[in-house]
Structures are given as C-alpha cells and as structure tokens.
Amino acid sequence: MSWVSNLQPDLILGGPILSLTQDILKHYQLKGLVLDVDETLVPLKASQASEDLMQWVEQIRPVASLWLVSNNLSENRIGKIANSLNLPYMFGAGKPSRRKLKKAAEAMNLPVEQVAMVGDRLFTDVLAGNRLGMFTILVEPMVDAPMAAVSHPIRDFEVWFSEILGVSLTGKQQNLNKNDKSR
C-alpha cells in the first residue's frame, strides 16, 4: 500500500460521529471502534461529553467495543471525557503511530480488520488506521457553535494536499444500498 493510499479513508461519513449507526457497523462487519477525541467526539475546549454523544455511545455499545485513543497530552482532560462516557482510553498516542491503536485492538480482543479507526483528520487518524490495516472512517469535526463559522486551517490543508496527491474524498460517502454488500 502506497503512502498516498494510506490517506484514503474507507468511508467518509459526511457528518459528525453521531451519524455513525449500528447499521453502518453491521454493514461493514465492524466489531470495534477506536475513537479519536478532539473534534471527533467533542469540541477542542470541551472537557465532558455532550448528552447526544452519551446517547450515541449507549446505542453503539451493544454492537461494538469502544476505545478512545487521543494524541492530546492532557490525561486529565481525556480522562474526564472518557469517564463521562464510561470508556477506556489512551492519551498521547502520537498518531500516525500505530502503537496505541494496536494496543486498543488487542484490549478489545479483536483482529484489526474488524476494528475501525474513526477520526476527523487524514494525516493522523486515517493514516494511522490504514497503516495498521484497520477500516478507516473520516467524520466531520465536532465544533462549538461559535467556532462553526471559523475555518479549520490544518484540516483544510490536509484535505487540499491529499486531493493534490490523488486521494478521493468524494464518492466514498456512506451509501447503504440493500444490494451493496461490498467494502
């Protein structure tokens, strides 16, 4: 697999993580999720999960094991978010390093092929998941309402640069046709 193809998500959700459903997980035969935290689950400055996110976790928990794996170095902040969701976590992951993603999959007792890396960033989340052989899901960032109008320069640069390299970020969006059983 080339470096450029490692930036290609297997699924582009086209919305925030709350759009990820049990049906999607079943369709792709996913039994575990490694979840990025900052702007994937919560806005950058948040230290607790929203009520909507807590409900989403409870909906997903029956069909998939969940782990939080964050590059954030603040164990206090990531721990508070994880505790509010009652989920195990690792911080300071250094993604695109695969090390902590592999540890999370091992802790779930699942082969990496049955685990998805879910995140909002191509050069950390998608790259790390693809390098390990995980299914990768790109979601739209979770941001505070006042920040929604503000651009995301790093993410925008990643998308622009990836597209120049030949990564397709269109046409791979989630579409669950009843007849489509392919990955």
C-alpha atoms as a PDB file:
ATOM      1  CA  MET A   1       0.000   0.000   0.000  1.00  0.00           C
ATOM      2  CA  SER A   2       1.457   3.362  -1.020  1.00  0.00           C
ATOM      3  CA  TRP A   3       1.803   6.303   1.318  1.00  0.00           C
ATOM      4  CA  VAL A   4      -0.830   8.221  -0.642  1.00  0.00           C
ATOM      5  CA  SER A   5      -3.336   5.352  -0.499  1.00  0.00           C
ATOM      6  CA  ASN A   6      -2.813   5.302   3.275  1.00  0.00           C
ATOM      7  CA  LEU A   7      -4.550   8.698   3.343  1.00  0.00           C
ATOM      8  CA  GLN A   8      -7.693   7.319   1.648  1.00  0.00           C
ATOM      9  CA  PRO A   9     -10.491   6.669   4.168  1.00  0.00           C
ATOM     10  CA  ASP A  10     -12.559   3.532   3.632  1.00  0.00           C
ATOM     11  CA  LEU A  11     -15.678   5.525   4.488  1.00  0.00           C
ATOM     12  CA  ILE A  12     -16.367   9.250   4.517  1.00  0.00           C
ATOM     13  CA  LEU A  13     -19.301   9.760   6.833  1.00  0.00           C
ATOM     14  CA  GLY A  14     -20.215  13.239   5.557  1.00  0.00           C
ATOM     15  CA  GLY A  15     -21.379  14.244   9.033  1.00  0.00           C
ATOM     16  CA  PRO A  16     -20.281  14.112  12.664  1.00  0.00           C
ATOM     17  CA  ILE A  17     -19.718  10.868  14.537  1.00  0.00           C
ATOM     18  CA  LEU A  18     -23.336  10.917  15.707  1.00  0.00           C
ATOM     19  CA  SER A  19     -24.199   9.883  12.113  1.00  0.00           C
ATOM     20  CA  LEU A  20     -22.384   6.566  12.576  1.00  0.00           C
ATOM     21  CA  THR A  21     -25.082   3.944  13.187  1.00  0.00           C
ATOM     22  CA  GLN A  22     -25.350   0.306  14.196  1.00  0.00           C
ATOM     23  CA  ASP A  23     -26.500  -0.450  10.619  1.00  0.00           C
ATOM     24  CA  ILE A  24     -23.281   1.002   9.170  1.00  0.00           C
ATOM     25  CA  LEU A  25     -21.151  -1.022  11.590  1.00  0.00           C
ATOM     26  CA  LYS A  26     -23.049  -4.202  10.759  1.00  0.00           C
ATOM     27  CA  HIS A  27     -22.823  -3.478   7.021  1.00  0.00           C
ATOM     28  CA  TYR A  28     -19.009  -3.280   7.209  1.00  0.00           C
ATOM     29  CA  GLN A  29     -18.801  -6.117   9.786  1.00  0.00           C
ATOM     30  CA  LEU A  30     -17.101  -3.902  12.361  1.00  0.00           C
ATOM     31  CA  LYS A  31     -16.986  -5.120  15.942  1.00  0.00           C
ATOM     32  CA  GLY A  32     -14.773  -2.433  17.459  1.00  0.00           C
ATOM     33  CA  LEU A  33     -14.165   1.304  17.172  1.00  0.00           C
ATOM     34  CA  VAL A  34     -11.059   3.256  18.098  1.00  0.00           C
ATOM     35  CA  LEU A  35     -12.269   6.815  18.509  1.00  0.00           C
ATOM     36  CA  ASP A  36     -10.247   9.983  18.257  1.00  0.00           C
ATOM     37  CA  VAL A  37     -11.357  12.570  20.835  1.00  0.00           C
ATOM     38  CA  ASP A  38     -10.606  16.194  19.897  1.00  0.00           C
ATOM     39  CA  GLU A  39     -13.106  17.402  17.311  1.00  0.00           C
ATOM     40  CA  THR A  40     -14.199  13.820  16.603  1.00  0.00           C
ATOM     41  CA  LEU A  41     -16.171  13.347  19.832  1.00  0.00           C
ATOM     42  CA  VAL A  42     -16.059  16.777  21.451  1.00  0.00           C
ATOM     43  CA  PRO A  43     -15.096  20.330  20.500  1.00  0.00           C
ATOM     44  CA  LEU A  44     -11.474  21.217  21.169  1.00  0.00           C
ATOM     45  CA  LYS A  45     -12.042  23.006  24.504  1.00  0.00           C
ATOM     46  CA  ALA A  46     -14.701  20.652  25.910  1.00  0.00           C
ATOM     47  CA  SER A  47     -13.842  18.540  28.942  1.00  0.00           C
ATOM     48  CA  GLN A  48     -17.028  16.470  29.055  1.00  0.00           C
ATOM     49  CA  ALA A  49     -19.168  14.636  26.551  1.00  0.00           C
ATOM     50  CA  SER A  50     -22.484  16.056  25.397  1.00  0.00           C
ATOM     51  CA  GLU A  51     -25.756  14.334  26.215  1.00  0.00           C
ATOM     52  CA  ASP A  52     -26.108  13.478  22.496  1.00  0.00           C
ATOM     53  CA  LEU A  53     -22.700  11.794  22.499  1.00  0.00           C
ATOM     54  CA  MET A  54     -23.525   9.841  25.660  1.00  0.00           C
ATOM     55  CA  GLN A  55     -26.708   8.566  23.983  1.00  0.00           C
ATOM     56  CA  TRP A  56     -24.753   7.668  20.817  1.00  0.00           C
ATOM     57  CA  VAL A  57     -22.240   5.637  22.872  1.00  0.00           C
ATOM     58  CA  GLU A  58     -25.097   3.737  24.524  1.00  0.00           C
ATOM     59  CA  GLN A  59     -26.595   2.977  21.087  1.00  0.00           C
ATOM     60  CA  ILE A  60     -23.274   1.721  19.679  1.00  0.00           C
ATOM     61  CA  ARG A  61     -22.009  -0.150  22.758  1.00  0.00           C
ATOM     62  CA  PRO A  62     -24.211  -3.269  22.180  1.00  0.00           C
ATOM     63  CA  VAL A  63     -22.661  -3.923  18.744  1.00  0.00           C
ATOM     64  CA  ALA A  64     -19.063  -2.671  19.084  1.00  0.00           C
ATOM     65  CA  SER A  65     -16.284  -2.367  21.636  1.00  0.00           C
ATOM     66  CA  LEU A  66     -15.175   1.236  22.059  1.00  0.00           C
ATOM     67  CA  TRP A  67     -11.818   2.767  22.972  1.00  0.00           C
ATOM     68  CA  LEU A  68     -10.700   6.400  22.993  1.00  0.00           C
ATOM     69  CA  VAL A  69      -7.222   6.985  21.575  1.00  0.00           C
ATOM     70  CA  SER A  70      -6.126  10.613  21.518  1.00  0.00           C
ATOM     71  CA  ASN A  71      -2.980  12.489  20.585  1.00  0.00           C
ATOM     72  CA  ASN A  72      -3.861  15.008  23.302  1.00  0.00           C
ATOM     73  CA  LEU A  73      -1.279  15.042  26.097  1.00  0.00           C
ATOM     74  CA  SER A  74      -3.710  16.062  28.849  1.00  0.00           C
ATOM     75  CA  GLU A  75      -4.577  12.893  30.741  1.00  0.00           C
ATOM     76  CA  ASN A  76      -6.828  14.970  32.997  1.00  0.00           C
ATOM     77  CA  ARG A  77      -8.970  16.226  30.081  1.00  0.00           C
ATOM     78  CA  ILE A  78      -9.077  12.974  28.076  1.00  0.00           C
ATOM     79  CA  GLY A  79      -9.726  11.018  31.281  1.00  0.00           C
ATOM     80  CA  LYS A  80     -12.699  13.252  32.172  1.00  0.00           C
ATOM     81  CA  ILE A  81     -14.208  12.760  28.723  1.00  0.00           C
ATOM     82  CA  ALA A  82     -13.603   9.003  28.847  1.00  0.00           C
ATOM     83  CA  ASN A  83     -15.078   8.769  32.351  1.00  0.00           C
ATOM     84  CA  SER A  84     -18.180  10.725  31.314  1.00  0.00           C
ATOM     85  CA  LEU A  85     -18.678   8.098  28.578  1.00  0.00           C
ATOM     86  CA  ASN A  86     -17.581   5.158  30.764  1.00  0.00           C
ATOM     87  CA  LEU A  87     -14.961   4.161  28.168  1.00  0.00           C
ATOM     88  CA  PRO A  88     -11.316   3.069  28.352  1.00  0.00           C
ATOM     89  CA  TYR A  89      -8.793   5.491  26.905  1.00  0.00           C
ATOM     90  CA  MET A  90      -5.221   6.215  25.929  1.00  0.00           C
ATOM     91  CA  PHE A  91      -3.759   9.686  25.563  1.00  0.00           C
ATOM     92  CA  GLY A  92      -0.553  10.947  23.958  1.00  0.00           C
ATOM     93  CA  ALA A  93      -0.944   8.398  21.144  1.00  0.00           C
ATOM     94  CA  GLY A  94       1.386  10.113  18.686  1.00  0.00           C
ATOM     95  CA  LYS A  95      -0.782   9.194  15.675  1.00  0.00           C
ATOM     96  CA  PRO A  96       0.043   8.413  12.901  1.00  0.00           C
ATOM     97  CA  SER A  97       1.989   5.970  15.083  1.00  0.00           C
ATOM     98  CA  ARG A  98       0.150   2.645  15.154  1.00  0.00           C
ATOM     99  CA  ARG A  99       1.330   1.568  18.597  1.00  0.00           C
ATOM    100  CA  LYS A 100      -1.634   2.660  20.751  1.00  0.00           C
ATOM    101  CA  LEU A 101      -4.204   1.740  18.087  1.00  0.00           C
ATOM    102  CA  LYS A 102      -2.779  -1.771  18.104  1.00  0.00           C
ATOM    103  CA  LYS A 103      -2.947  -1.863  21.921  1.00  0.00           C
ATOM    104  CA  ALA A 104      -6.608  -0.798  21.811  1.00  0.00           C
ATOM    105  CA  ALA A 105      -7.477  -3.521  19.264  1.00  0.00           C
ATOM    106  CA  GLU A 106      -5.638  -6.091  21.397  1.00  0.00           C
ATOM    107  CA  ALA A 107      -7.521  -4.925  24.508  1.00  0.00           C
ATOM    108  CA  MET A 108     -10.782  -5.434  22.573  1.00  0.00           C
ATOM    109  CA  ASN A 109      -9.539  -8.923  21.680  1.00  0.00           C
ATOM    110  CA  LEU A 110     -10.371  -8.275  18.026  1.00  0.00           C
ATOM    111  CA  PRO A 111      -8.361  -8.591  14.813  1.00  0.00           C
ATOM    112  CA  VAL A 112      -7.543  -5.142  13.400  1.00  0.00           C
ATOM    113  CA  GLU A 113      -9.629  -5.932  10.297  1.00  0.00           C
ATOM    114  CA  GLN A 114     -12.768  -5.863  12.473  1.00  0.00           C
ATOM    115  CA  VAL A 115     -11.866  -2.550  14.104  1.00  0.00           C
ATOM    116  CA  ALA A 116     -12.413   0.906  12.621  1.00  0.00           C
ATOM    117  CA  MET A 117     -10.335   3.969  13.370  1.00  0.00           C
ATOM    118  CA  VAL A 118     -12.788   6.872  13.491  1.00  0.00           C
ATOM    119  CA  GLY A 119     -11.492  10.423  13.329  1.00  0.00           C
ATOM    120  CA  ASP A 120     -11.681  13.826  11.738  1.00  0.00           C
ATOM    121  CA  ARG A 121      -8.088  14.062  10.460  1.00  0.00           C
ATOM    122  CA  LEU A 122      -6.437  12.451   7.443  1.00  0.00           C
ATOM    123  CA  PHE A 123      -2.775  12.789   8.459  1.00  0.00           C
ATOM    124  CA  THR A 124      -3.255  11.368  11.952  1.00  0.00           C
ATOM    125  CA  ASP A 125      -6.400   9.237  12.322  1.00  0.00           C
ATOM    126  CA  VAL A 126      -6.861   7.873   8.790  1.00  0.00           C
ATOM    127  CA  LEU A 127      -3.138   7.443   8.168  1.00  0.00           C
ATOM    128  CA  ALA A 128      -2.589   5.569  11.455  1.00  0.00           C
ATOM    129  CA  GLY A 129      -5.614   3.309  10.956  1.00  0.00           C
ATOM    130  CA  ASN A 130      -4.728   2.447   7.368  1.00  0.00           C
ATOM    131  CA  ARG A 131      -1.095   1.750   8.287  1.00  0.00           C
ATOM    132  CA  LEU A 132      -2.340  -0.831  10.805  1.00  0.00           C
ATOM    133  CA  GLY A 133      -4.860  -2.406   8.418  1.00  0.00           C
ATOM    134  CA  MET A 134      -7.953  -1.055  10.153  1.00  0.00           C
ATOM    135  CA  PHE A 135     -11.103   0.112   8.401  1.00  0.00           C
ATOM    136  CA  THR A 136     -10.963   3.927   8.481  1.00  0.00           C
ATOM    137  CA  ILE A 137     -13.867   6.328   8.864  1.00  0.00           C
ATOM    138  CA  LEU A 138     -13.484  10.075   8.323  1.00  0.00           C
ATOM    139  CA  VAL A 139     -16.068  12.200  10.123  1.00  0.00           C
ATOM    140  CA  GLU A 140     -16.811  15.916  10.081  1.00  0.00           C
ATOM    141  CA  PRO A 141     -15.304  17.756  13.057  1.00  0.00           C
ATOM    142  CA  MET A 142     -17.364  18.465  16.183  1.00  0.00           C
ATOM    143  CA  VAL A 143     -17.064  22.158  16.921  1.00  0.00           C
ATOM    144  CA  ASP A 144     -18.704  24.636  19.277  1.00  0.00           C
ATOM    145  CA  ALA A 145     -21.450  26.649  17.584  1.00  0.00           C
ATOM    146  CA  PRO A 146     -19.489  29.949  17.824  1.00  0.00           C
ATOM    147  CA  MET A 147     -16.488  28.210  16.199  1.00  0.00           C
ATOM    148  CA  ALA A 148     -18.527  26.652  13.377  1.00  0.00           C
ATOM    149  CA  ALA A 149     -18.011  29.681  11.168  1.00  0.00           C
ATOM    150  CA  VAL A 150     -14.261  29.633  11.732  1.00  0.00           C
ATOM    151  CA  SER A 151     -12.179  27.727   9.211  1.00  0.00           C
ATOM    152  CA  HIS A 152     -10.137  24.658  10.202  1.00  0.00           C
ATOM    153  CA  PRO A 153      -6.826  25.554   8.525  1.00  0.00           C
ATOM    154  CA  ILE A 154      -4.915  22.359   9.361  1.00  0.00           C
ATOM    155  CA  ARG A 155      -7.750  20.050   8.316  1.00  0.00           C
ATOM    156  CA  ASP A 156      -8.426  22.177   5.222  1.00  0.00           C
ATOM    157  CA  PHE A 157      -4.733  21.927   4.272  1.00  0.00           C
ATOM    158  CA  GLU A 158      -4.761  18.136   4.788  1.00  0.00           C
ATOM    159  CA  VAL A 159      -7.807  17.768   2.519  1.00  0.00           C
ATOM    160  CA  TRP A 160      -6.343  20.081  -0.154  1.00  0.00           C
ATOM    161  CA  PHE A 161      -2.924  18.398  -0.084  1.00  0.00           C
ATOM    162  CA  SER A 162      -4.416  14.890  -0.087  1.00  0.00           C
ATOM    163  CA  GLU A 163      -6.559  15.687  -3.111  1.00  0.00           C
ATOM    164  CA  ILE A 164      -3.468  17.005  -4.955  1.00  0.00           C
ATOM    165  CA  LEU A 165      -1.775  13.678  -4.176  1.00  0.00           C
ATOM    166  CA  GLY A 166      -4.735  11.831  -5.693  1.00  0.00           C
ATOM    167  CA  VAL A 167      -6.827  10.894  -2.658  1.00  0.00           C
ATOM    168  CA  SER A 168     -10.536  10.938  -3.481  1.00  0.00           C
ATOM    169  CA  LEU A 169     -12.664  12.476  -0.783  1.00  0.00           C
ATOM    170  CA  THR A 170     -15.830  12.372  -2.852  1.00  0.00           C
ATOM    171  CA  GLY A 171     -17.831   9.390  -3.943  1.00  0.00           C
ATOM    172  CA  LYS A 172     -16.840   7.258  -0.923  1.00  0.00           C
ATOM    173  CA  GLN A 173     -19.590   8.559   1.308  1.00  0.00           C
ATOM    174  CA  GLN A 174     -21.733   6.152   3.203  1.00  0.00           C
ATOM    175  CA  ASN A 175     -24.442   4.740   0.966  1.00  0.00           C
ATOM    176  CA  LEU A 176     -26.117   1.634   2.240  1.00  0.00           C
ATOM    177  CA  ASN A 177     -27.913   0.202  -0.752  1.00  0.00           C
ATOM    178  CA  LYS A 178     -29.672  -3.027   0.130  1.00  0.00           C
ATOM    179  CA  ASN A 179     -27.825  -4.706  -2.775  1.00  0.00           C
ATOM    180  CA  ASP A 180     -24.375  -3.281  -1.941  1.00  0.00           C
ATOM    181  CA  LYS A 181     -22.507  -5.718   0.288  1.00  0.00           C
ATOM    182  CA  SER A 182     -19.033  -4.757  -0.901  1.00  0.00           C
ATOM    183  CA  ARG A 183     -16.497  -2.830   1.099  1.00  0.00           C
END
